[in-house]
Amino acid sequence: MTKFGEHWEKGFRDLVIDAGIKAIGDAGLQGNEISAGYVGNMASGSLIGQEHVAALIADHMGLNPIPVTRVEAACASGGVALRQGYMAVASGMHDFVVVGGVEKMNDLDTNEVSQILGGAGDQEWELFMGATFPGLYALMAKRHMHEYGTTEEMLAAVAVKNHEHGSRNPYAQFQNKITIDMVLKSKVVADPLKMFDCSPITDGAAAVVLAPVEIAKKYQEQPIEIVASAQASDTIALHSREKLSEIKATQIAAKRAYEMAKIGPKDVDVAEVHDCFTIAEIMAIEDLGLFRKGEGGKATLEGRTGLGGEVAINTSGGLKAAGHPVGATGVKQAVELTWQLRGKAEGRQVADAEIGLAQNVGGSGATSVVHIFKRV
């Protein structure tokens, strides 16, 4: 992956090439051995005026004439691209597939980017009526507080923990530690969410190479196996949801993933979850079954989701501290978990990590994709 952050000196294609070359080199491959590619990208047409990005990437990565396909699923674009690559290999159609994710977001101002990201919700019934994504997640936070007694301090604890992890990750956008008091005193964005409850606008790219396990062993000393891939959908607008305090698509995808991997939530050692806002991480760890419903905030405040806790959540710093280049986030999660399961996450390594889980969400929960990884 590239370092996540504000890349004023690099363009869209520079970020893709940087991450792609690193991935192919790590796999021990030559470019001509790759037979297909998938790239997660949400909004390059709106953000930088560039459509047909799959062809651009194939061209500038030197991958022509192999097929490269763009995958769009809002903020879950990277995770869904990974799932497409996984299915392409698992079907036997391809032996070597490169999966990337990229977004160049800082070329526009915050208001313009917020408007573009709002298109991941219901344009007609949410965005047009004045809703923003901080506003939508604030509604979920308020409902979670009402139902389970979740507090602003619990939300703040998510941000503090992820900044602590991000301070140990050289690829993270933010490497500064913060305190609960700093979060609570930061500017209100959409009550109860404050500035430090929100993920930033980010440029960045990430990439992985997929292959059948037996072939991968011939190229890589420490291949990491994807043992489950599951995806589910829900209503795009919040007003049609059964409950606002959960993401049903995550619950369904997680159930299918655990069944496919033949494990349960208690077997997970480390997880990268979609913390676009602090309430999203609390709902995620509950919907994934890592903690009982209503206990995610308390568990975070008590330190049970940090390094050395019951299950390490967002060791990369998550979207909150590592950054959130929306199309790249789901692939970044796979990169971080690969490093963790290889024992290569220096400074933030989870001891004896054997099983990792990634959860990537599109919009306010209309798409959710879950992958489970293990050491071979």
Protein backbone atom coordinates (compact mmCIF):
# COMPACT_ATOMS: atom_id res chain seq x y z
CA MET A 1 0.00 0.00 0.00
CA THR A 2 0.95 3.62 -0.29
CA LYS A 3 1.10 5.85 2.73
CA PHE A 4 -2.40 7.22 3.26
CA GLY A 5 -2.80 10.98 3.53
CA GLU A 6 -2.78 14.12 1.39
CA HIS A 7 -0.70 13.39 -1.72
CA TRP A 8 -0.38 16.75 -3.42
CA GLU A 9 2.73 15.64 -5.27
CA LYS A 10 1.20 12.42 -6.65
CA GLY A 11 -1.67 11.75 -9.04
CA PHE A 12 -4.21 8.95 -9.20
CA ARG A 13 -2.09 6.77 -11.47
CA ASP A 14 1.04 7.33 -9.35
CA LEU A 15 -0.73 5.92 -6.29
CA VAL A 16 -1.98 2.87 -8.21
CA ILE A 17 1.45 2.11 -9.64
CA ASP A 18 3.13 2.48 -6.24
CA ALA A 19 0.81 -0.03 -4.52
CA GLY A 20 0.59 -2.39 -7.51
CA ILE A 21 4.35 -2.74 -7.95
CA LYS A 22 4.78 -3.43 -4.24
CA ALA A 23 2.11 -6.16 -4.33
CA ILE A 24 3.50 -7.92 -7.40
CA GLY A 25 7.00 -7.72 -5.95
CA ASP A 26 5.85 -9.15 -2.62
CA ALA A 27 4.23 -12.05 -4.49
CA GLY A 28 7.45 -12.79 -6.35
CA LEU A 29 5.72 -12.50 -9.73
CA GLN A 30 6.42 -10.93 -13.06
CA GLY A 31 3.67 -8.73 -14.44
CA ASN A 32 3.11 -11.04 -17.41
CA GLU A 33 2.03 -13.83 -15.04
CA ILE A 34 -1.05 -11.86 -13.91
CA SER A 35 -4.15 -12.88 -15.88
CA ALA A 36 -6.83 -10.53 -14.48
CA GLY A 37 -7.29 -7.51 -12.27
CA TYR A 38 -10.04 -5.88 -10.22
CA VAL A 39 -9.91 -2.36 -8.79
CA GLY A 40 -12.15 -0.85 -6.15
CA ASN A 41 -12.95 2.78 -6.87
CA MET A 42 -15.99 4.75 -5.81
CA ALA A 43 -15.95 8.17 -7.42
CA SER A 44 -12.99 9.00 -9.63
CA GLY A 45 -15.30 10.52 -12.23
CA SER A 46 -16.57 13.08 -9.73
CA LEU A 47 -13.40 13.52 -7.69
CA ILE A 48 -10.81 13.85 -10.47
CA GLY A 49 -12.84 13.77 -13.70
CA GLN A 50 -11.47 10.38 -14.71
CA GLU A 51 -13.74 7.53 -15.73
CA HIS A 52 -12.67 4.24 -17.34
CA VAL A 53 -10.12 3.84 -14.56
CA ALA A 54 -9.74 0.07 -15.06
CA ALA A 55 -8.33 0.67 -18.55
CA LEU A 56 -6.10 3.46 -17.24
CA ILE A 57 -4.71 1.17 -14.56
CA ALA A 58 -4.12 -1.72 -16.97
CA ASP A 59 -2.31 0.69 -19.27
CA HIS A 60 -0.06 2.35 -16.71
CA MET A 61 0.64 -0.84 -14.77
CA GLY A 62 1.83 -2.50 -17.98
CA LEU A 63 -0.86 -5.16 -17.70
CA ASN A 64 -2.36 -4.91 -21.19
CA PRO A 65 -4.00 -6.92 -22.69
CA ILE A 66 -5.35 -8.70 -19.58
CA PRO A 67 -8.89 -7.83 -18.43
CA VAL A 68 -9.07 -5.31 -15.60
CA THR A 69 -12.46 -4.46 -14.11
CA ARG A 70 -13.54 -1.55 -11.93
CA VAL A 71 -15.76 -2.42 -8.96
CA GLU A 72 -17.98 0.22 -7.31
CA ALA A 73 -19.81 -0.35 -4.05
CA ALA A 74 -19.39 3.05 -2.38
CA CYS A 75 -17.02 2.77 0.61
CA ALA A 76 -17.08 -1.04 0.26
CA SER A 77 -15.61 -0.89 -3.26
CA GLY A 78 -12.27 -2.32 -2.13
CA GLY A 79 -13.78 -5.19 -0.17
CA VAL A 80 -16.13 -6.11 -3.00
CA ALA A 81 -13.23 -5.94 -5.50
CA LEU A 82 -11.36 -8.38 -3.24
CA ARG A 83 -14.39 -10.67 -3.28
CA GLN A 84 -14.56 -10.52 -7.09
CA GLY A 85 -10.88 -11.44 -7.30
CA TYR A 86 -11.38 -14.24 -4.79
CA MET A 87 -14.24 -15.72 -6.84
CA ALA A 88 -12.25 -15.42 -10.07
CA VAL A 89 -9.46 -17.53 -8.58
CA ALA A 90 -11.73 -19.93 -6.66
CA SER A 91 -13.72 -20.65 -9.83
CA GLY A 92 -10.57 -21.79 -11.62
CA MET A 93 -10.93 -19.09 -14.26
CA HIS A 94 -7.62 -17.41 -13.27
CA ASP A 95 -4.50 -18.44 -11.39
CA PHE A 96 -3.04 -15.00 -10.63
CA VAL A 97 -5.27 -12.00 -10.01
CA VAL A 98 -4.24 -8.57 -8.74
CA VAL A 99 -6.81 -6.69 -6.68
CA GLY A 100 -6.37 -2.99 -6.02
CA GLY A 101 -8.25 -0.12 -4.47
CA VAL A 102 -7.61 3.59 -4.98
CA GLU A 103 -9.10 7.01 -4.38
CA LYS A 104 -7.70 10.51 -4.90
CA MET A 105 -9.92 12.73 -2.78
CA ASN A 106 -8.03 15.87 -1.77
CA ASP A 107 -8.15 17.66 -5.12
CA LEU A 108 -11.58 19.09 -4.16
CA ASP A 109 -12.66 21.00 -1.06
CA THR A 110 -14.44 19.38 1.86
CA ASN A 111 -17.95 20.51 0.86
CA GLU A 112 -17.55 19.09 -2.66
CA VAL A 113 -16.18 15.78 -1.37
CA SER A 114 -19.00 15.52 1.19
CA GLN A 115 -21.56 16.03 -1.56
CA ILE A 116 -19.97 13.30 -3.69
CA LEU A 117 -19.76 10.85 -0.79
CA GLY A 118 -23.39 11.58 0.02
CA GLY A 119 -24.29 9.85 -3.22
CA ALA A 120 -23.57 6.56 -1.42
CA GLY A 121 -26.87 7.09 0.40
CA ASP A 122 -30.32 7.63 -1.05
CA GLN A 123 -29.80 10.69 -3.25
CA GLU A 124 -33.48 11.55 -3.57
CA TRP A 125 -34.68 10.92 -0.01
CA GLU A 126 -31.56 11.63 2.07
CA LEU A 127 -28.97 13.82 0.35
CA PHE A 128 -31.51 16.02 -1.46
CA MET A 129 -33.32 16.59 1.83
CA GLY A 130 -30.13 17.84 3.49
CA ALA A 131 -28.74 14.71 5.13
CA THR A 132 -24.98 14.16 5.24
CA PHE A 133 -23.15 10.98 6.14
CA PRO A 134 -22.10 12.37 9.53
CA GLY A 135 -25.78 13.16 10.02
CA LEU A 136 -26.91 9.65 9.11
CA TYR A 137 -24.38 8.00 11.41
CA ALA A 138 -25.31 10.51 14.13
CA LEU A 139 -28.88 9.19 13.92
CA MET A 140 -27.55 5.67 14.39
CA ALA A 141 -25.40 6.81 17.31
CA LYS A 142 -28.36 8.51 19.01
CA ARG A 143 -30.49 5.39 18.65
CA HIS A 144 -27.69 3.14 19.95
CA MET A 145 -27.31 5.44 22.95
CA HIS A 146 -31.06 5.31 23.59
CA GLU A 147 -31.28 1.52 23.36
CA TYR A 148 -28.06 0.47 25.07
CA GLY A 149 -26.83 3.37 27.17
CA THR A 150 -23.81 3.99 24.97
CA THR A 151 -22.09 7.24 25.95
CA GLU A 152 -20.04 9.90 24.18
CA GLU A 153 -17.04 8.73 26.22
CA MET A 154 -17.44 5.26 24.71
CA LEU A 155 -17.49 6.74 21.21
CA ALA A 156 -14.41 8.79 22.07
CA ALA A 157 -12.62 5.65 23.31
CA VAL A 158 -12.83 4.22 19.78
CA ALA A 159 -11.01 7.24 18.37
CA VAL A 160 -8.39 7.23 21.15
CA LYS A 161 -7.64 3.53 20.64
CA ASN A 162 -7.39 3.83 16.87
CA HIS A 163 -5.09 6.84 17.07
CA GLU A 164 -2.91 4.85 19.47
CA HIS A 165 -2.72 2.07 16.88
CA GLY A 166 -2.20 4.56 14.04
CA SER A 167 0.75 6.10 15.91
CA ARG A 168 2.47 2.74 15.44
CA ASN A 169 1.68 2.45 11.72
CA PRO A 170 4.04 4.29 9.34
CA TYR A 171 1.40 4.08 6.56
CA ALA A 172 -1.28 5.86 8.61
CA GLN A 173 -2.51 9.34 7.75
CA PHE A 174 -2.57 10.37 11.41
CA GLN A 175 0.15 9.17 13.76
CA ASN A 176 -0.71 11.39 16.69
CA LYS A 177 -2.17 10.13 19.95
CA ILE A 178 -5.27 11.78 21.35
CA THR A 179 -7.26 11.67 24.60
CA ILE A 180 -10.93 11.22 25.41
CA ASP A 181 -11.02 14.82 26.60
CA MET A 182 -9.64 16.02 23.25
CA VAL A 183 -12.37 14.10 21.40
CA LEU A 184 -15.17 15.41 23.62
CA LYS A 185 -13.96 19.01 23.26
CA SER A 186 -13.48 18.84 19.49
CA LYS A 187 -15.94 20.64 17.19
CA VAL A 188 -19.39 19.08 16.85
CA VAL A 189 -20.01 17.81 13.31
CA ALA A 190 -23.42 16.16 13.80
CA ASP A 191 -24.44 15.64 17.41
CA PRO A 192 -23.23 13.46 19.09
CA LEU A 193 -20.40 12.99 16.57
CA LYS A 194 -17.49 15.40 16.81
CA MET A 195 -14.52 16.02 14.57
CA PHE A 196 -12.45 13.29 16.21
CA ASP A 197 -15.33 10.81 15.77
CA CYS A 198 -15.06 11.12 11.97
CA SER A 199 -12.65 9.56 9.48
CA PRO A 200 -10.71 12.00 7.27
CA ILE A 201 -10.60 12.73 3.54
CA THR A 202 -7.70 10.70 2.18
CA ASP A 203 -5.62 9.88 -0.88
CA GLY A 204 -4.19 6.39 -1.15
CA ALA A 205 -4.03 2.99 -2.79
CA ALA A 206 -3.58 -0.63 -1.74
CA ALA A 207 -3.13 -3.88 -3.66
CA VAL A 208 -2.89 -7.64 -3.13
CA VAL A 209 -2.19 -10.61 -5.37
CA LEU A 210 -4.41 -13.69 -5.21
CA ALA A 211 -3.63 -17.23 -6.35
CA PRO A 212 -4.66 -20.81 -5.51
CA VAL A 213 -3.04 -21.80 -2.20
CA GLU A 214 -0.86 -24.58 -3.63
CA ILE A 215 0.47 -22.29 -6.35
CA ALA A 216 0.98 -19.43 -3.89
CA LYS A 217 3.22 -21.64 -1.74
CA LYS A 218 5.65 -21.90 -4.64
CA TYR A 219 6.03 -18.12 -4.83
CA GLN A 220 5.61 -16.85 -1.28
CA GLU A 221 7.06 -18.24 1.96
CA GLN A 222 4.14 -16.94 4.01
CA PRO A 223 0.97 -16.95 1.91
CA ILE A 224 -2.20 -16.02 3.76
CA GLU A 225 -5.38 -17.91 2.86
CA ILE A 226 -8.81 -16.35 2.42
CA VAL A 227 -11.01 -18.97 4.06
CA ALA A 228 -14.31 -17.09 3.71
CA SER A 229 -15.83 -14.33 1.61
CA ALA A 230 -19.41 -13.16 2.10
CA GLN A 231 -21.46 -10.14 1.07
CA ALA A 232 -24.97 -8.93 1.89
CA SER A 233 -27.22 -5.97 1.12
CA ASP A 234 -29.78 -3.88 3.00
CA THR A 235 -31.96 -0.87 2.24
CA ILE A 236 -29.97 2.11 1.00
CA ALA A 237 -31.99 4.61 3.05
CA LEU A 238 -32.07 4.59 6.84
CA HIS A 239 -35.81 5.26 6.97
CA SER A 240 -36.49 1.77 5.56
CA ARG A 241 -34.34 -0.12 8.07
CA GLU A 242 -35.75 -2.45 10.69
CA LYS A 243 -33.38 -0.97 13.29
CA LEU A 244 -31.01 1.99 13.31
CA SER A 245 -28.69 0.56 15.99
CA GLU A 246 -27.33 -2.27 13.85
CA ILE A 247 -26.24 -3.04 10.31
CA LYS A 248 -28.17 -6.12 9.26
CA ALA A 249 -26.06 -6.67 6.13
CA THR A 250 -23.01 -7.12 8.37
CA GLN A 251 -24.82 -9.64 10.55
CA ILE A 252 -25.86 -11.71 7.53
CA ALA A 253 -22.46 -11.55 5.81
CA ALA A 254 -20.71 -12.44 9.07
CA LYS A 255 -22.94 -15.47 9.66
CA ARG A 256 -22.20 -16.77 6.17
CA ALA A 257 -18.47 -16.09 6.54
CA TYR A 258 -18.22 -17.92 9.87
CA GLU A 259 -20.07 -20.90 8.41
CA MET A 260 -17.80 -20.95 5.36
CA ALA A 261 -14.64 -20.74 7.48
CA LYS A 262 -16.03 -23.23 10.03
CA ILE A 263 -15.14 -20.95 12.91
CA GLY A 264 -16.95 -18.68 15.36
CA PRO A 265 -16.39 -15.09 16.50
CA LYS A 266 -14.32 -16.23 19.49
CA ASP A 267 -11.72 -17.68 17.09
CA VAL A 268 -10.87 -14.25 15.63
CA ASP A 269 -7.57 -12.83 16.88
CA VAL A 270 -7.50 -9.53 14.98
CA ALA A 271 -10.09 -7.62 12.96
CA GLU A 272 -10.12 -4.62 10.65
CA VAL A 273 -13.62 -3.11 10.72
CA HIS A 274 -15.24 -0.16 9.00
CA ASP A 275 -14.98 2.73 11.47
CA CYS A 276 -15.91 5.60 9.17
CA PHE A 277 -17.37 7.06 12.36
CA THR A 278 -16.73 5.84 15.89
CA ILE A 279 -20.29 4.51 16.25
CA ALA A 280 -19.68 2.36 13.14
CA GLU A 281 -16.91 0.44 14.91
CA ILE A 282 -19.08 -0.15 17.97
CA MET A 283 -21.92 -1.48 15.81
CA ALA A 284 -19.49 -3.54 13.73
CA ILE A 285 -17.91 -5.44 16.60
CA GLU A 286 -21.41 -6.21 17.88
CA ASP A 287 -22.88 -7.18 14.51
CA LEU A 288 -19.86 -9.43 13.87
CA GLY A 289 -20.55 -11.24 17.15
CA LEU A 290 -17.21 -10.23 18.66
CA PHE A 291 -19.14 -8.65 21.53
CA ARG A 292 -22.77 -8.91 22.58
CA LYS A 293 -25.19 -6.29 21.26
CA GLY A 294 -24.96 -3.16 23.36
CA GLU A 295 -21.57 -4.03 24.88
CA GLY A 296 -19.28 -2.74 22.11
CA GLY A 297 -18.89 0.71 23.60
CA LYS A 298 -18.25 -0.56 27.11
CA ALA A 299 -15.73 -3.12 25.82
CA THR A 300 -13.84 -0.40 23.97
CA LEU A 301 -13.78 1.93 26.97
CA GLU A 302 -12.43 -0.92 29.11
CA GLY A 303 -9.57 -1.59 26.67
CA ARG A 304 -10.82 -4.98 25.51
CA THR A 305 -10.45 -4.07 21.80
CA GLY A 306 -6.89 -2.73 21.95
CA LEU A 307 -3.56 -4.48 21.56
CA GLY A 308 -3.39 -7.09 24.30
CA GLY A 309 -7.19 -7.09 24.72
CA GLU A 310 -9.72 -9.83 24.00
CA VAL A 311 -9.63 -9.18 20.25
CA ALA A 312 -7.52 -6.48 18.61
CA ILE A 313 -9.67 -4.16 16.50
CA ASN A 314 -8.22 -1.90 13.78
CA THR A 315 -4.53 -2.36 14.47
CA SER A 316 -3.83 -0.27 11.36
CA GLY A 317 -5.51 2.70 13.01
CA GLY A 318 -8.71 1.94 11.14
CA LEU A 319 -10.36 4.43 8.84
CA LYS A 320 -10.26 6.92 11.70
CA ALA A 321 -6.47 7.24 12.00
CA ALA A 322 -5.00 5.31 9.06
CA GLY A 323 -7.30 7.23 6.70
CA HIS A 324 -10.18 6.42 4.36
CA PRO A 325 -9.48 6.67 0.61
CA VAL A 326 -12.86 5.09 0.05
CA GLY A 327 -12.08 2.75 -2.84
CA ALA A 328 -8.86 1.53 -1.20
CA THR A 329 -10.05 0.89 2.35
CA GLY A 330 -11.26 -2.69 1.89
CA VAL A 331 -7.99 -3.73 0.25
CA LYS A 332 -5.94 -1.94 2.92
CA GLN A 333 -7.72 -4.09 5.50
CA ALA A 334 -6.49 -7.21 3.70
CA VAL A 335 -2.94 -5.84 3.59
CA GLU A 336 -2.93 -5.08 7.32
CA LEU A 337 -4.30 -8.51 8.20
CA THR A 338 -1.72 -10.18 5.95
CA TRP A 339 1.04 -8.37 7.83
CA GLN A 340 -0.53 -9.35 11.16
CA LEU A 341 -0.85 -13.03 10.26
CA ARG A 342 2.71 -13.08 8.91
CA GLY A 343 3.96 -11.52 12.14
CA LYS A 344 5.23 -8.49 10.23
CA ALA A 345 3.14 -5.69 11.78
CA GLU A 346 6.05 -4.12 13.60
CA GLY A 347 5.13 -2.02 16.62
CA ARG A 348 1.50 -3.15 16.63
CA GLN A 349 1.79 -6.91 16.23
CA VAL A 350 -0.92 -9.09 17.79
CA ALA A 351 0.85 -11.98 19.49
CA ASP A 352 0.41 -15.36 17.75
CA ALA A 353 -2.32 -14.06 15.44
CA GLU A 354 -3.71 -16.93 13.36
CA ILE A 355 -7.15 -15.74 12.20
CA GLY A 356 -8.09 -12.27 10.96
CA LEU A 357 -11.40 -10.77 9.88
CA ALA A 358 -12.15 -7.78 7.65
CA GLN A 359 -15.50 -5.97 7.47
CA ASN A 360 -16.01 -3.29 4.81
CA VAL A 361 -19.24 -1.26 4.58
CA GLY A 362 -20.75 0.73 1.73
CA GLY A 363 -22.72 3.86 2.55
CA SER A 364 -24.65 3.69 5.80
CA GLY A 365 -24.80 -0.11 5.62
CA ALA A 366 -26.55 -0.93 2.35
CA THR A 367 -23.54 -3.10 1.42
CA SER A 368 -21.38 -5.13 3.77
CA VAL A 369 -18.63 -7.57 2.87
CA VAL A 370 -16.77 -9.83 5.31
CA HIS A 371 -13.57 -11.78 4.67
CA ILE A 372 -11.80 -14.19 6.99
CA PHE A 373 -8.08 -14.90 6.66
CA LYS A 374 -5.78 -17.46 8.26
CA ARG A 375 -2.17 -18.51 8.23
CA VAL A 376 -1.50 -21.37 5.86
